[in-house]
Amino acid sequence: MDTDFGVLPSAADMRAYVAGVVDRLTEHNRLPFDYSVASLRLVDFMVEGVRRGRPEIGQVAGLLQGLGAYTGEVIVRRAGAHWADFGPEQRELFGQPVGVRMPDGRVWNPLGKVVNRFELGGPEESVQRLYLMLHGRARRPADPRAACGR
């Protein structure tokens, strides 16, 4: 599998970039990259698999970047976030040019989280866990039928 996904674009072009990542990751196998929260387990699984080979980060940086972008797109689609270009201070802090901004204004770094998963491993670095513990997610509107007991 070719894991060079090219230069990371600005926030405005992240959705198209991630679509290309998913196309490349699924072109030879039917991996369930369906933008669901459950698919983040696959990201964790893939990163752990790569870690077992003990490569240098430079050898897998493209794959980690692609998986981090996918993780961010899941957050965008499922939690009501949007892609945001980081300013100079945030770039220095997070080590990434883009991240996601939650509806409440909080900023998260899914690309860096995937790198942490690779470098540190362990369940506390899980990207699925990151999603499940995210603060500032958009709440879905209540189903009016639920109040009626239907």
Protein backbone atom coordinates (compact mmCIF):
# COMPACT_ATOMS: atom_id res chain seq x y z
CA MET A 1 0.00 0.00 0.00
CA ASP A 2 1.39 3.37 -1.01
CA THR A 3 1.18 5.56 2.07
CA ASP A 4 2.32 8.90 0.69
CA PHE A 5 -0.82 11.02 0.69
CA GLY A 6 0.93 14.20 -0.36
CA VAL A 7 1.09 17.60 1.24
CA LEU A 8 -1.56 18.33 3.83
CA PRO A 9 -3.88 21.02 2.44
CA SER A 10 -5.48 23.97 4.19
CA ALA A 11 -8.68 23.50 6.18
CA ALA A 12 -10.83 24.46 3.18
CA ASP A 13 -9.56 21.46 1.20
CA MET A 14 -9.43 18.82 3.94
CA ARG A 15 -12.68 17.05 3.01
CA ALA A 16 -11.43 16.38 -0.54
CA TYR A 17 -8.02 15.36 0.80
CA VAL A 18 -9.58 12.83 3.19
CA ALA A 19 -11.77 11.43 0.41
CA GLY A 20 -8.56 10.73 -1.52
CA VAL A 21 -7.00 9.09 1.54
CA VAL A 22 -10.02 6.81 1.95
CA ASP A 23 -9.97 5.94 -1.76
CA ARG A 24 -6.31 4.95 -1.55
CA LEU A 25 -6.72 2.96 1.68
CA THR A 26 -9.67 1.01 0.32
CA GLU A 27 -8.66 0.49 -3.30
CA HIS A 28 -7.25 -3.03 -2.73
CA ASN A 29 -9.20 -4.13 0.32
CA ARG A 30 -12.61 -3.50 1.77
CA LEU A 31 -11.67 -1.66 4.93
CA PRO A 32 -14.71 -0.05 6.59
CA PHE A 33 -13.63 3.59 6.43
CA ASP A 34 -17.23 4.82 6.52
CA TYR A 35 -16.71 7.95 8.67
CA SER A 36 -18.44 6.30 11.61
CA VAL A 37 -17.22 6.58 15.19
CA ALA A 38 -16.78 2.79 15.14
CA SER A 39 -14.36 3.12 12.20
CA LEU A 40 -11.94 4.92 14.52
CA ARG A 41 -11.19 1.49 16.03
CA LEU A 42 -9.76 0.60 12.62
CA VAL A 43 -7.47 3.65 12.80
CA ASP A 44 -6.27 2.51 16.24
CA PHE A 45 -5.79 -1.03 14.94
CA MET A 46 -3.81 0.12 11.89
CA VAL A 47 -1.53 2.38 13.94
CA GLU A 48 -0.87 -0.41 16.44
CA GLY A 49 -0.07 -2.77 13.56
CA VAL A 50 2.42 -0.29 12.12
CA ARG A 51 4.00 0.21 15.57
CA ARG A 52 4.75 -3.52 15.85
CA GLY A 53 7.21 -3.23 12.98
CA ARG A 54 9.08 -0.49 14.89
CA PRO A 55 9.65 1.76 11.88
CA GLU A 56 11.08 5.23 12.16
CA ILE A 57 8.33 7.84 12.13
CA GLY A 58 9.65 9.24 8.84
CA GLN A 59 8.90 5.91 7.18
CA VAL A 60 5.22 6.05 8.14
CA ALA A 61 4.58 9.80 8.40
CA GLY A 62 2.39 9.84 5.29
CA LEU A 63 0.18 7.06 6.59
CA LEU A 64 -0.11 8.69 10.02
CA GLN A 65 -1.00 12.00 8.36
CA GLY A 66 -3.72 10.31 6.30
CA LEU A 67 -5.15 8.46 9.30
CA GLY A 68 -5.07 11.66 11.37
CA ALA A 69 -6.91 13.54 8.64
CA TYR A 70 -9.50 10.75 8.48
CA THR A 71 -9.92 10.95 12.27
CA GLY A 72 -10.48 14.69 11.99
CA GLU A 73 -13.06 14.23 9.26
CA VAL A 74 -14.98 11.78 11.47
CA ILE A 75 -15.02 14.46 14.18
CA VAL A 76 -16.20 17.03 11.64
CA ARG A 77 -19.01 14.80 10.39
CA ARG A 78 -20.11 13.26 13.68
CA ALA A 79 -19.47 15.95 16.29
CA GLY A 80 -20.40 19.11 14.41
CA ALA A 81 -16.83 20.39 14.23
CA HIS A 82 -15.20 22.12 11.27
CA TRP A 83 -11.66 22.12 9.95
CA ALA A 84 -9.57 25.09 11.06
CA ASP A 85 -6.19 26.36 9.93
CA PHE A 86 -3.92 26.82 12.92
CA GLY A 87 -2.19 30.13 13.49
CA PRO A 88 1.56 30.29 14.17
CA GLU A 89 1.23 29.69 17.93
CA GLN A 90 -1.12 26.75 17.48
CA ARG A 91 1.13 25.26 14.77
CA GLU A 92 4.03 25.42 17.16
CA LEU A 93 2.01 23.96 20.04
CA PHE A 94 0.35 21.16 18.05
CA GLY A 95 3.01 20.51 15.41
CA GLN A 96 0.31 20.50 12.72
CA PRO A 97 -1.05 23.12 10.30
CA VAL A 98 -4.74 22.18 10.71
CA GLY A 99 -7.10 20.81 13.30
CA VAL A 100 -10.76 20.82 14.15
CA ARG A 101 -12.79 23.45 15.97
CA MET A 102 -15.77 22.24 17.96
CA PRO A 103 -19.12 24.06 18.09
CA ASP A 104 -18.18 25.49 21.51
CA GLY A 105 -14.91 26.91 20.10
CA ARG A 106 -12.50 24.32 21.51
CA VAL A 107 -9.72 23.22 19.18
CA TRP A 108 -8.54 19.61 18.86
CA ASN A 109 -5.56 18.09 17.07
CA PRO A 110 -6.55 14.71 15.59
CA LEU A 111 -3.46 14.53 13.37
CA GLY A 112 -1.23 14.89 16.41
CA LYS A 113 -3.31 12.33 18.30
CA VAL A 114 -2.54 9.71 15.65
CA VAL A 115 1.17 10.54 15.92
CA ASN A 116 0.90 10.16 19.72
CA ARG A 117 -0.82 6.81 19.23
CA PHE A 118 2.13 5.72 17.09
CA GLU A 119 4.84 7.10 19.36
CA LEU A 120 3.34 6.26 22.77
CA GLY A 121 0.77 3.53 22.12
CA GLY A 122 -1.61 2.43 24.82
CA PRO A 123 -5.34 2.82 25.30
CA GLU A 124 -5.05 6.40 26.58
CA GLU A 125 -3.83 7.41 23.11
CA SER A 126 -6.76 5.77 21.28
CA VAL A 127 -8.35 7.98 18.64
CA GLN A 128 -11.72 6.34 19.24
CA ARG A 129 -11.37 7.21 22.92
CA LEU A 130 -10.49 10.79 21.92
CA TYR A 131 -13.79 11.04 20.08
CA LEU A 132 -15.80 9.52 22.90
CA MET A 133 -14.27 11.93 25.42
CA LEU A 134 -14.47 15.06 23.24
CA HIS A 135 -15.82 18.11 24.95
CA GLY A 136 -17.82 20.58 22.94
CA ARG A 137 -19.60 18.17 20.59
CA ALA A 138 -22.81 19.37 18.99
CA ARG A 139 -25.81 17.81 20.62
CA ARG A 140 -28.29 16.26 18.30
CA PRO A 141 -31.73 17.82 18.50
CA ALA A 142 -34.05 15.78 20.66
CA ASP A 143 -36.43 13.52 18.79
CA PRO A 144 -39.90 15.02 19.42
CA ARG A 145 -41.41 11.53 19.16
CA ALA A 146 -39.36 10.38 22.17
CA ALA A 147 -41.15 12.90 24.40
CA CYS A 148 -44.48 11.44 23.32
CA GLY A 149 -43.43 7.90 24.22
CA ARG A 150 -43.42 6.69 20.60
